[in-house]
């Protein structure tokens, strides 16, 4: 999963990244190193500190149900679902 996020952010001019405390960000140190930026975490049980995370999670769950692993979903499948296919 980190490779997908790194690829999608690699061409952006980032100063920082703020993420929630989900296990999917356990590799935050690698992300910091590879993207040469600082990663910050919201406080536990304070999702309002990063509203865009909560909004994005909600949008993702419209297409990928909670509990479904997204590790093996291809870019083509993502495009298909987001484009109404």
PDB file of N, CA and C in Angstrom:
ATOM      1  N   UNK A   1       0.808  -1.196   0.000  1.00  0.00           N
ATOM      2  CA  UNK A   1       0.000   0.000   0.000  1.00  0.00           C
ATOM      3  C   UNK A   1       0.851   1.260   0.000  1.00  0.00           C
ATOM      4  N   UNK A   2       1.988   1.245   0.691  1.00  0.00           N
ATOM      5  CA  UNK A   2       2.815   2.441   0.735  1.00  0.00           C
ATOM      6  C   UNK A   2       3.292   2.832  -0.652  1.00  0.00           C
ATOM      7  N   UNK A   3       3.560   1.859  -1.509  1.00  0.00           N
ATOM      8  CA  UNK A   3       4.016   2.161  -2.866  1.00  0.00           C
ATOM      9  C   UNK A   3       2.958   2.935  -3.642  1.00  0.00           C
ATOM     10  N   UNK A   4       1.692   2.591  -3.458  1.00  0.00           N
ATOM     11  CA  UNK A   4       0.603   3.277  -4.150  1.00  0.00           C
ATOM     12  C   UNK A   4       0.518   4.729  -3.678  1.00  0.00           C
ATOM     13  N   UNK A   5       0.581   4.922  -2.371  1.00  0.00           N
ATOM     14  CA  UNK A   5       0.503   6.279  -1.830  1.00  0.00           C
ATOM     15  C   UNK A   5       1.725   7.085  -2.240  1.00  0.00           C
ATOM     16  N   UNK A   6       2.899   6.479  -2.157  1.00  0.00           N
ATOM     17  CA  UNK A   6       4.114   7.176  -2.567  1.00  0.00           C
ATOM     18  C   UNK A   6       4.028   7.598  -4.025  1.00  0.00           C
ATOM     19  N   UNK A   7       3.562   6.700  -4.880  1.00  0.00           N
ATOM     20  CA  UNK A   7       3.452   7.020  -6.305  1.00  0.00           C
ATOM     21  C   UNK A   7       2.473   8.160  -6.534  1.00  0.00           C
ATOM     22  N   UNK A   8       1.348   8.126  -5.848  1.00  0.00           N
ATOM     23  CA  UNK A   8       0.336   9.163  -6.062  1.00  0.00           C
ATOM     24  C   UNK A   8       0.756  10.521  -5.515  1.00  0.00           C
ATOM     25  N   UNK A   9       1.680  10.546  -4.558  1.00  0.00           N
ATOM     26  CA  UNK A   9       2.114  11.812  -3.961  1.00  0.00           C
ATOM     27  C   UNK A   9       3.491  12.274  -4.439  1.00  0.00           C
ATOM     28  N   UNK A  10       4.198  11.437  -5.171  1.00  0.00           N
ATOM     29  CA  UNK A  10       5.594  11.725  -5.502  1.00  0.00           C
ATOM     30  C   UNK A  10       5.781  12.988  -6.342  1.00  0.00           C
ATOM     31  N   UNK A  11       4.800  13.371  -7.130  1.00  0.00           N
ATOM     32  CA  UNK A  11       4.954  14.561  -7.968  1.00  0.00           C
ATOM     33  C   UNK A  11       4.352  15.816  -7.330  1.00  0.00           C
ATOM     34  N   UNK A  12       3.923  15.713  -6.084  1.00  0.00           N
ATOM     35  CA  UNK A  12       3.320  16.840  -5.376  1.00  0.00           C
ATOM     36  C   UNK A  12       4.385  17.587  -4.564  1.00  0.00           C
ATOM     37  N   UNK A  13       4.183  18.883  -4.417  1.00  0.00           N
ATOM     38  CA  UNK A  13       5.064  19.695  -3.579  1.00  0.00           C
ATOM     39  C   UNK A  13       4.490  19.700  -2.165  1.00  0.00           C
ATOM     40  N   UNK A  14       4.931  18.739  -1.352  1.00  0.00           N
ATOM     41  CA  UNK A  14       4.380  18.550  -0.011  1.00  0.00           C
ATOM     42  C   UNK A  14       5.268  19.181   1.050  1.00  0.00           C
ATOM     43  N   UNK A  15       4.625  19.787   2.012  1.00  0.00           N
ATOM     44  CA  UNK A  15       5.361  20.270   3.180  1.00  0.00           C
ATOM     45  C   UNK A  15       5.198  19.296   4.326  1.00  0.00           C
ATOM     46  N   UNK A  16       3.964  18.827   4.515  1.00  0.00           N
ATOM     47  CA  UNK A  16       3.669  17.830   5.547  1.00  0.00           C
ATOM     48  C   UNK A  16       2.520  16.959   5.073  1.00  0.00           C
ATOM     49  N   UNK A  17       2.348  15.830   5.760  1.00  0.00           N
ATOM     50  CA  UNK A  17       1.202  14.947   5.544  1.00  0.00           C
ATOM     51  C   UNK A  17       0.643  14.654   6.929  1.00  0.00           C
ATOM     52  N   UNK A  18      -0.659  14.794   7.092  1.00  0.00           N
ATOM     53  CA  UNK A  18      -1.304  14.460   8.353  1.00  0.00           C
ATOM     54  C   UNK A  18      -2.233  13.292   8.108  1.00  0.00           C
ATOM     55  N   UNK A  19      -2.055  12.234   8.890  1.00  0.00           N
ATOM     56  CA  UNK A  19      -2.827  11.008   8.704  1.00  0.00           C
ATOM     57  C   UNK A  19      -3.502  10.621  10.012  1.00  0.00           C
ATOM     58  N   UNK A  20      -4.474   9.717   9.885  1.00  0.00           N
ATOM     59  CA  UNK A  20      -5.088   9.187  11.104  1.00  0.00           C
ATOM     60  C   UNK A  20      -4.186   8.079  11.646  1.00  0.00           C
ATOM     61  N   UNK A  21      -4.616   7.426  12.687  1.00  0.00           N
ATOM     62  CA  UNK A  21      -3.773   6.429  13.341  1.00  0.00           C
ATOM     63  C   UNK A  21      -4.065   5.002  12.893  1.00  0.00           C
ATOM     64  N   UNK A  22      -4.568   4.861  11.683  1.00  0.00           N
ATOM     65  CA  UNK A  22      -4.843   3.532  11.151  1.00  0.00           C
ATOM     66  C   UNK A  22      -3.568   2.734  10.925  1.00  0.00           C
ATOM     67  N   UNK A  23      -3.690   1.429  10.988  1.00  0.00           N
ATOM     68  CA  UNK A  23      -2.513   0.568  10.834  1.00  0.00           C
ATOM     69  C   UNK A  23      -1.893   0.686   9.452  1.00  0.00           C
ATOM     70  N   UNK A  24      -2.667   1.208   8.495  1.00  0.00           N
ATOM     71  CA  UNK A  24      -2.122   1.374   7.156  1.00  0.00           C
ATOM     72  C   UNK A  24      -1.011   2.420   7.093  1.00  0.00           C
ATOM     73  N   UNK A  25      -0.837   3.189   8.169  1.00  0.00           N
ATOM     74  CA  UNK A  25       0.237   4.174   8.205  1.00  0.00           C
ATOM     75  C   UNK A  25       1.365   3.763   9.153  1.00  0.00           C
ATOM     76  N   UNK A  26       1.474   2.478   9.420  1.00  0.00           N
ATOM     77  CA  UNK A  26       2.550   1.993  10.287  1.00  0.00           C
ATOM     78  C   UNK A  26       3.918   2.191   9.645  1.00  0.00           C
ATOM     79  N   UNK A  27       3.951   2.426   8.353  1.00  0.00           N
ATOM     80  CA  UNK A  27       5.196   2.645   7.624  1.00  0.00           C
ATOM     81  C   UNK A  27       5.434   4.129   7.366  1.00  0.00           C
ATOM     82  N   UNK A  28       4.939   5.003   8.239  1.00  0.00           N
ATOM     83  CA  UNK A  28       5.046   6.449   8.050  1.00  0.00           C
ATOM     84  C   UNK A  28       6.497   6.917   7.946  1.00  0.00           C
ATOM     85  N   UNK A  29       7.400   6.283   8.673  1.00  0.00           N
ATOM     86  CA  UNK A  29       8.810   6.689   8.598  1.00  0.00           C
ATOM     87  C   UNK A  29       9.357   6.495   7.191  1.00  0.00           C
ATOM     88  N   UNK A  30       8.976   5.401   6.559  1.00  0.00           N
ATOM     89  CA  UNK A  30       9.408   5.146   5.177  1.00  0.00           C
ATOM     90  C   UNK A  30       8.810   6.199   4.252  1.00  0.00           C
ATOM     91  N   UNK A  31       7.557   6.537   4.458  1.00  0.00           N
ATOM     92  CA  UNK A  31       6.896   7.554   3.657  1.00  0.00           C
ATOM     93  C   UNK A  31       7.606   8.897   3.801  1.00  0.00           C
ATOM     94  N   UNK A  32       7.965   9.245   5.027  1.00  0.00           N
ATOM     95  CA  UNK A  32       8.704  10.489   5.266  1.00  0.00           C
ATOM     96  C   UNK A  32      10.018  10.507   4.493  1.00  0.00           C
ATOM     97  N   UNK A  33      10.741   9.428   4.575  1.00  0.00           N
ATOM     98  CA  UNK A  33      12.041   9.338   3.919  1.00  0.00           C
ATOM     99  C   UNK A  33      11.896   9.395   2.401  1.00  0.00           C
ATOM    100  N   UNK A  34      10.998   8.592   1.860  1.00  0.00           N
ATOM    101  CA  UNK A  34      10.846   8.510   0.411  1.00  0.00           C
ATOM    102  C   UNK A  34      10.303   9.795  -0.206  1.00  0.00           C
ATOM    103  N   UNK A  35       9.399  10.471   0.497  1.00  0.00           N
ATOM    104  CA  UNK A  35       8.804  11.701  -0.035  1.00  0.00           C
ATOM    105  C   UNK A  35       9.496  12.958   0.476  1.00  0.00           C
ATOM    106  N   UNK A  36      10.448  12.786   1.388  1.00  0.00           N
ATOM    107  CA  UNK A  36      11.186  13.906   1.978  1.00  0.00           C
ATOM    108  C   UNK A  36      10.245  14.958   2.561  1.00  0.00           C
ATOM    109  N   UNK A  37       9.337  14.475   3.391  1.00  0.00           N
ATOM    110  CA  UNK A  37       8.400  15.357   4.070  1.00  0.00           C
ATOM    111  C   UNK A  37       8.144  14.807   5.463  1.00  0.00           C
ATOM    112  N   UNK A  38       7.480  15.561   6.284  1.00  0.00           N
ATOM    113  CA  UNK A  38       7.166  15.146   7.649  1.00  0.00           C
ATOM    114  C   UNK A  38       5.744  14.616   7.701  1.00  0.00           C
ATOM    115  N   UNK A  39       5.554  13.470   8.371  1.00  0.00           N
ATOM    116  CA  UNK A  39       4.229  12.890   8.552  1.00  0.00           C
ATOM    117  C   UNK A  39       3.808  13.100  10.001  1.00  0.00           C
ATOM    118  N   UNK A  40       2.629  13.639  10.187  1.00  0.00           N
ATOM    119  CA  UNK A  40       2.058  13.847  11.515  1.00  0.00           C
ATOM    120  C   UNK A  40       0.828  12.967  11.667  1.00  0.00           C
ATOM    121  N   UNK A  41       0.548  12.581  12.908  1.00  0.00           N
ATOM    122  CA  UNK A  41      -0.621  11.771  13.222  1.00  0.00           C
ATOM    123  C   UNK A  41      -1.610  12.579  14.043  1.00  0.00           C
ATOM    124  N   UNK A  42      -2.902  12.394  13.758  1.00  0.00           N
ATOM    125  CA  UNK A  42      -3.942  12.972  14.603  1.00  0.00           C
ATOM    126  C   UNK A  42      -3.884  12.284  15.962  1.00  0.00           C
ATOM    127  N   UNK A  43      -4.343  12.952  16.983  1.00  0.00           N
ATOM    128  CA  UNK A  43      -4.429  12.334  18.296  1.00  0.00           C
ATOM    129  C   UNK A  43      -5.453  11.201  18.270  1.00  0.00           C
ATOM    130  N   UNK A  44      -5.245  10.170  19.077  1.00  0.00           N
ATOM    131  CA  UNK A  44      -6.231   9.080  19.122  1.00  0.00           C
ATOM    132  C   UNK A  44      -7.615   9.609  19.505  1.00  0.00           C
ATOM    133  N   UNK A  45      -8.617   9.091  18.828  1.00  0.00           N
ATOM    134  CA  UNK A  45     -10.020   9.429  19.101  1.00  0.00           C
ATOM    135  C   UNK A  45     -10.324  10.913  18.858  1.00  0.00           C
ATOM    136  N   UNK A  46      -9.559  11.557  17.974  1.00  0.00           N
ATOM    137  CA  UNK A  46      -9.780  12.955  17.588  1.00  0.00           C
ATOM    138  C   UNK A  46      -9.836  13.069  16.062  1.00  0.00           C
ATOM    139  N   UNK A  47     -10.751  12.350  15.397  1.00  0.00           N
ATOM    140  CA  UNK A  47     -10.768  12.358  13.934  1.00  0.00           C
ATOM    141  C   UNK A  47     -11.039  13.734  13.335  1.00  0.00           C
ATOM    142  N   UNK A  48     -11.655  14.627  14.092  1.00  0.00           N
ATOM    143  CA  UNK A  48     -11.957  15.957  13.586  1.00  0.00           C
ATOM    144  C   UNK A  48     -10.694  16.772  13.342  1.00  0.00           C
ATOM    145  N   UNK A  49      -9.558  16.305  13.881  1.00  0.00           N
ATOM    146  CA  UNK A  49      -8.309  17.029  13.647  1.00  0.00           C
ATOM    147  C   UNK A  49      -7.874  16.956  12.182  1.00  0.00           C
ATOM    148  N   UNK A  50      -8.373  15.984  11.483  1.00  0.00           N
ATOM    149  CA  UNK A  50      -8.063  15.862  10.055  1.00  0.00           C
ATOM    150  C   UNK A  50      -9.342  15.488   9.323  1.00  0.00           C
ATOM    151  N   UNK A  51     -10.191  16.471   9.140  1.00  0.00           N
ATOM    152  CA  UNK A  51     -11.489  16.234   8.524  1.00  0.00           C
ATOM    153  C   UNK A  51     -11.415  15.630   7.134  1.00  0.00           C
ATOM    154  N   UNK A  52     -10.380  15.994   6.370  1.00  0.00           N
ATOM    155  CA  UNK A  52     -10.283  15.433   5.017  1.00  0.00           C
ATOM    156  C   UNK A  52     -10.056  13.924   5.063  1.00  0.00           C
ATOM    157  N   UNK A  53      -9.387  13.428   6.111  1.00  0.00           N
ATOM    158  CA  UNK A  53      -9.230  11.972   6.265  1.00  0.00           C
ATOM    159  C   UNK A  53     -10.586  11.307   6.419  1.00  0.00           C
ATOM    160  N   UNK A  54     -11.412  11.854   7.299  1.00  0.00           N
ATOM    161  CA  UNK A  54     -12.722  11.266   7.544  1.00  0.00           C
ATOM    162  C   UNK A  54     -13.591  11.334   6.294  1.00  0.00           C
ATOM    163  N   UNK A  55     -13.526  12.439   5.590  1.00  0.00           N
ATOM    164  CA  UNK A  55     -14.300  12.578   4.359  1.00  0.00           C
ATOM    165  C   UNK A  55     -13.834  11.569   3.315  1.00  0.00           C
ATOM    166  N   UNK A  56     -12.518  11.458   3.135  1.00  0.00           N
ATOM    167  CA  UNK A  56     -11.967  10.522   2.154  1.00  0.00           C
ATOM    168  C   UNK A  56     -12.315   9.088   2.520  1.00  0.00           C
ATOM    169  N   UNK A  57     -12.183   8.748   3.795  1.00  0.00           N
ATOM    170  CA  UNK A  57     -12.546   7.393   4.235  1.00  0.00           C
ATOM    171  C   UNK A  57     -14.005   7.103   3.909  1.00  0.00           C
ATOM    172  N   UNK A  58     -14.873   8.062   4.147  1.00  0.00           N
ATOM    173  CA  UNK A  58     -16.287   7.879   3.846  1.00  0.00           C
ATOM    174  C   UNK A  58     -16.530   7.679   2.356  1.00  0.00           C
ATOM    175  N   UNK A  59     -15.832   8.460   1.535  1.00  0.00           N
ATOM    176  CA  UNK A  59     -15.984   8.311   0.089  1.00  0.00           C
ATOM    177  C   UNK A  59     -15.468   6.952  -0.379  1.00  0.00           C
ATOM    178  N   UNK A  60     -14.333   6.522   0.154  1.00  0.00           N
ATOM    179  CA  UNK A  60     -13.801   5.209  -0.211  1.00  0.00           C
ATOM    180  C   UNK A  60     -14.777   4.101   0.153  1.00  0.00           C
ATOM    181  N   UNK A  61     -15.427   4.229   1.303  1.00  0.00           N
ATOM    182  CA  UNK A  61     -16.358   3.190   1.759  1.00  0.00           C
ATOM    183  C   UNK A  61     -17.610   3.136   0.897  1.00  0.00           C
ATOM    184  N   UNK A  62     -17.876   4.188   0.121  1.00  0.00           N
ATOM    185  CA  UNK A  62     -18.980   4.113  -0.841  1.00  0.00           C
ATOM    186  C   UNK A  62     -18.690   3.069  -1.909  1.00  0.00           C
ATOM    187  N   UNK A  63     -17.410   2.865  -2.202  1.00  0.00           N
ATOM    188  CA  UNK A  63     -17.000   1.957  -3.269  1.00  0.00           C
ATOM    189  C   UNK A  63     -16.383   0.662  -2.756  1.00  0.00           C
ATOM    190  N   UNK A  64     -15.747   0.718  -1.592  1.00  0.00           N
ATOM    191  CA  UNK A  64     -15.058  -0.441  -1.028  1.00  0.00           C
ATOM    192  C   UNK A  64     -15.523  -0.616   0.419  1.00  0.00           C
ATOM    193  N   UNK A  65     -16.365  -1.612   0.687  1.00  0.00           N
ATOM    194  CA  UNK A  65     -16.940  -1.793   2.030  1.00  0.00           C
ATOM    195  C   UNK A  65     -15.885  -1.952   3.117  1.00  0.00           C
ATOM    196  N   UNK A  66     -16.217  -1.473   4.311  1.00  0.00           N
ATOM    197  CA  UNK A  66     -15.330  -1.621   5.460  1.00  0.00           C
ATOM    198  C   UNK A  66     -15.026  -3.106   5.670  1.00  0.00           C
ATOM    199  N   UNK A  67     -13.777  -3.409   5.939  1.00  0.00           N
ATOM    200  CA  UNK A  67     -13.347  -4.778   6.128  1.00  0.00           C
ATOM    201  C   UNK A  67     -12.792  -5.403   4.863  1.00  0.00           C
ATOM    202  N   UNK A  68     -13.068  -4.780   3.728  1.00  0.00           N
ATOM    203  CA  UNK A  68     -12.548  -5.283   2.456  1.00  0.00           C
ATOM    204  C   UNK A  68     -11.102  -4.806   2.300  1.00  0.00           C
ATOM    205  N   UNK A  69     -10.209  -5.730   2.034  1.00  0.00           N
ATOM    206  CA  UNK A  69      -8.809  -5.372   1.818  1.00  0.00           C
ATOM    207  C   UNK A  69      -8.678  -4.690   0.466  1.00  0.00           C
ATOM    208  N   UNK A  70      -7.997  -3.556   0.449  1.00  0.00           N
ATOM    209  CA  UNK A  70      -7.784  -2.861  -0.820  1.00  0.00           C
ATOM    210  C   UNK A  70      -6.371  -3.086  -1.360  1.00  0.00           C
ATOM    211  N   UNK A  71      -5.622  -3.948  -0.702  1.00  0.00           N
ATOM    212  CA  UNK A  71      -4.247  -4.213  -1.115  1.00  0.00           C
ATOM    213  C   UNK A  71      -4.129  -4.770  -2.524  1.00  0.00           C
ATOM    214  N   UNK A  72      -5.099  -5.535  -2.951  1.00  0.00           N
ATOM    215  CA  UNK A  72      -4.995  -6.205  -4.235  1.00  0.00           C
ATOM    216  C   UNK A  72      -5.898  -5.597  -5.317  1.00  0.00           C
ATOM    217  N   UNK A  73      -6.454  -4.427  -5.047  1.00  0.00           N
ATOM    218  CA  UNK A  73      -7.310  -3.764  -6.022  1.00  0.00           C
ATOM    219  C   UNK A  73      -6.424  -2.996  -7.005  1.00  0.00           C
ATOM    220  N   UNK A  74      -6.628  -3.236  -8.280  1.00  0.00           N
ATOM    221  CA  UNK A  74      -5.805  -2.597  -9.307  1.00  0.00           C
ATOM    222  C   UNK A  74      -6.272  -1.166  -9.561  1.00  0.00           C
ATOM    223  N   UNK A  75      -5.394  -0.402 -10.189  1.00  0.00           N
ATOM    224  CA  UNK A  75      -5.750   0.963 -10.581  1.00  0.00           C
ATOM    225  C   UNK A  75      -6.942   0.945 -11.533  1.00  0.00           C
ATOM    226  N   UNK A  76      -6.976  -0.038 -12.431  1.00  0.00           N
ATOM    227  CA  UNK A  76      -8.088  -0.165 -13.376  1.00  0.00           C
ATOM    228  C   UNK A  76      -9.414  -0.374 -12.643  1.00  0.00           C
ATOM    229  N   UNK A  77      -9.404  -1.181 -11.581  1.00  0.00           N
ATOM    230  CA  UNK A  77     -10.624  -1.424 -10.798  1.00  0.00           C
ATOM    231  C   UNK A  77     -11.067  -0.155 -10.083  1.00  0.00           C
ATOM    232  N   UNK A  78     -10.126   0.594  -9.552  1.00  0.00           N
ATOM    233  CA  UNK A  78     -10.457   1.858  -8.884  1.00  0.00           C
ATOM    234  C   UNK A  78     -11.098   2.803  -9.889  1.00  0.00           C
ATOM    235  N   UNK A  79     -10.475   2.952 -11.052  1.00  0.00           N
ATOM    236  CA  UNK A  79     -11.020   3.837 -12.081  1.00  0.00           C
ATOM    237  C   UNK A  79     -12.420   3.397 -12.503  1.00  0.00           C
ATOM    238  N   UNK A  80     -12.594   2.107 -12.662  1.00  0.00           N
ATOM    239  CA  UNK A  80     -13.891   1.569 -13.064  1.00  0.00           C
ATOM    240  C   UNK A  80     -14.966   1.911 -12.034  1.00  0.00           C
ATOM    241  N   UNK A  81     -14.666   1.718 -10.760  1.00  0.00           N
ATOM    242  CA  UNK A  81     -15.656   1.994  -9.712  1.00  0.00           C
ATOM    243  C   UNK A  81     -15.946   3.483  -9.593  1.00  0.00           C
ATOM    244  N   UNK A  82     -14.908   4.313  -9.692  1.00  0.00           N
ATOM    245  CA  UNK A  82     -15.109   5.751  -9.529  1.00  0.00           C
ATOM    246  C   UNK A  82     -15.756   6.401 -10.754  1.00  0.00           C
ATOM    247  N   UNK A  83     -15.647   5.742 -11.881  1.00  0.00           N
ATOM    248  CA  UNK A  83     -16.248   6.287 -13.111  1.00  0.00           C
ATOM    249  C   UNK A  83     -17.605   5.658 -13.403  1.00  0.00           C
ATOM    250  N   UNK A  84     -18.152   4.956 -12.421  1.00  0.00           N
ATOM    251  CA  UNK A  84     -19.501   4.418 -12.550  1.00  0.00           C
ATOM    252  C   UNK A  84     -19.607   3.125 -13.333  1.00  0.00           C
ATOM    253  N   UNK A  85     -18.483   2.396 -13.449  1.00  0.00           N
ATOM    254  CA  UNK A  85     -18.518   1.171 -14.246  1.00  0.00           C
ATOM    255  C   UNK A  85     -18.778  -0.069 -13.495  1.00  0.00           C
TER     256      UNK A  85
END
